[in-house]
Amino acid sequence: MSHLSNLQEHVDADFVPVAPRLYQVKLGMGYLELPQVEVPHGKLVNTLLNNRNVYILDCYLDVFVW
């Protein structure tokens, strides 16, 4: 528990975490399209992903590609 209390000391009281953004990669007419995928209730679940598509998850400081 001491690690958690130490972390809380370094986080500003008005800090609001940035919600991750999920994009689907699509081929357009000679370019890539990156429409944002709606994430219901802000909860990322694997059922949002189609195995045949490519996705980019932007977590502000980290980026993940499926």
C-alpha atoms as a PDB file:
ATOM      1  CA  MET A   1       0.000   0.000   0.000  1.00  0.00           C
ATOM      2  CA  SER A   2       2.915   2.363   0.573  1.00  0.00           C
ATOM      3  CA  HIS A   3       3.625   2.475  -3.192  1.00  0.00           C
ATOM      4  CA  LEU A   4       0.054   3.615  -3.883  1.00  0.00           C
ATOM      5  CA  SER A   5       0.189   6.403  -1.324  1.00  0.00           C
ATOM      6  CA  ASN A   6       3.555   7.492  -2.748  1.00  0.00           C
ATOM      7  CA  LEU A   7       2.039   7.647  -6.245  1.00  0.00           C
ATOM      8  CA  GLN A   8      -0.930   9.690  -5.049  1.00  0.00           C
ATOM      9  CA  GLU A   9       1.457  12.306  -3.652  1.00  0.00           C
ATOM     10  CA  HIS A  10       2.776  12.992  -7.158  1.00  0.00           C
ATOM     11  CA  VAL A  11      -0.574  13.246  -8.958  1.00  0.00           C
ATOM     12  CA  ASP A  12      -2.244  16.655  -9.059  1.00  0.00           C
ATOM     13  CA  ALA A  13      -5.655  16.819  -7.397  1.00  0.00           C
ATOM     14  CA  ASP A  14      -7.225  18.158 -10.631  1.00  0.00           C
ATOM     15  CA  PHE A  15      -5.717  15.415 -12.860  1.00  0.00           C
ATOM     16  CA  VAL A  16      -8.198  13.856 -15.294  1.00  0.00           C
ATOM     17  CA  PRO A  17      -6.950  10.806 -17.241  1.00  0.00           C
ATOM     18  CA  VAL A  18      -7.213  10.992 -21.024  1.00  0.00           C
ATOM     19  CA  ALA A  19      -9.604   8.438 -22.496  1.00  0.00           C
ATOM     20  CA  PRO A  20      -7.917   6.095 -24.991  1.00  0.00           C
ATOM     21  CA  ARG A  21      -8.976   6.403 -28.633  1.00  0.00           C
ATOM     22  CA  LEU A  22      -9.469   3.396 -30.887  1.00  0.00           C
ATOM     23  CA  TYR A  23      -9.048   3.775 -34.661  1.00  0.00           C
ATOM     24  CA  GLN A  24      -9.721   1.280 -37.430  1.00  0.00           C
ATOM     25  CA  VAL A  25      -7.232   1.343 -40.302  1.00  0.00           C
ATOM     26  CA  LYS A  26      -8.933   1.223 -43.719  1.00  0.00           C
ATOM     27  CA  LEU A  27      -7.714   1.564 -47.284  1.00  0.00           C
ATOM     28  CA  GLY A  28      -9.255   4.477 -49.140  1.00  0.00           C
ATOM     29  CA  MET A  29      -8.755   5.587 -52.734  1.00  0.00           C
ATOM     30  CA  GLY A  30      -4.947   5.791 -52.623  1.00  0.00           C
ATOM     31  CA  TYR A  31      -4.694   6.677 -48.932  1.00  0.00           C
ATOM     32  CA  LEU A  32      -5.345   5.292 -45.461  1.00  0.00           C
ATOM     33  CA  GLU A  33      -8.497   6.163 -43.552  1.00  0.00           C
ATOM     34  CA  LEU A  34      -8.488   6.152 -39.746  1.00  0.00           C
ATOM     35  CA  PRO A  35     -12.087   6.389 -38.554  1.00  0.00           C
ATOM     36  CA  GLN A  36     -12.431   6.472 -34.799  1.00  0.00           C
ATOM     37  CA  VAL A  37     -14.290   3.474 -33.367  1.00  0.00           C
ATOM     38  CA  GLU A  38     -16.979   4.327 -30.851  1.00  0.00           C
ATOM     39  CA  VAL A  39     -16.245   2.754 -27.485  1.00  0.00           C
ATOM     40  CA  PRO A  40     -19.540   2.281 -25.603  1.00  0.00           C
ATOM     41  CA  HIS A  41     -19.404   3.606 -22.035  1.00  0.00           C
ATOM     42  CA  GLY A  42     -15.646   4.182 -22.439  1.00  0.00           C
ATOM     43  CA  LYS A  43     -14.980   0.471 -21.862  1.00  0.00           C
ATOM     44  CA  LEU A  44     -12.594  -1.246 -24.285  1.00  0.00           C
ATOM     45  CA  VAL A  45     -13.538  -4.877 -24.902  1.00  0.00           C
ATOM     46  CA  ASN A  46     -12.173  -7.393 -27.399  1.00  0.00           C
ATOM     47  CA  THR A  47     -15.568  -7.758 -29.086  1.00  0.00           C
ATOM     48  CA  LEU A  48     -14.987  -4.305 -30.643  1.00  0.00           C
ATOM     49  CA  LEU A  49     -12.158  -5.791 -32.719  1.00  0.00           C
ATOM     50  CA  ASN A  50     -12.676  -7.704 -35.955  1.00  0.00           C
ATOM     51  CA  ASN A  51      -9.912 -10.268 -36.665  1.00  0.00           C
ATOM     52  CA  ARG A  52      -9.733  -9.174 -40.318  1.00  0.00           C
ATOM     53  CA  ASN A  53      -9.092  -5.510 -39.568  1.00  0.00           C
ATOM     54  CA  VAL A  54      -6.150  -3.494 -38.257  1.00  0.00           C
ATOM     55  CA  TYR A  55      -6.619  -1.166 -35.274  1.00  0.00           C
ATOM     56  CA  ILE A  56      -4.621   1.536 -33.536  1.00  0.00           C
ATOM     57  CA  LEU A  57      -5.215   2.217 -29.855  1.00  0.00           C
ATOM     58  CA  ASP A  58      -3.950   5.661 -28.839  1.00  0.00           C
ATOM     59  CA  CYS A  59      -3.469   5.812 -25.063  1.00  0.00           C
ATOM     60  CA  TYR A  60      -1.868   9.281 -25.175  1.00  0.00           C
ATOM     61  CA  LEU A  61       1.577   8.151 -23.992  1.00  0.00           C
ATOM     62  CA  ASP A  62       1.473   4.701 -25.599  1.00  0.00           C
ATOM     63  CA  VAL A  63       0.234   3.461 -28.968  1.00  0.00           C
ATOM     64  CA  PHE A  64      -0.778  -0.158 -29.636  1.00  0.00           C
ATOM     65  CA  VAL A  65      -1.424  -1.776 -33.031  1.00  0.00           C
ATOM     66  CA  TRP A  66      -3.507  -4.881 -33.703  1.00  0.00           C
END
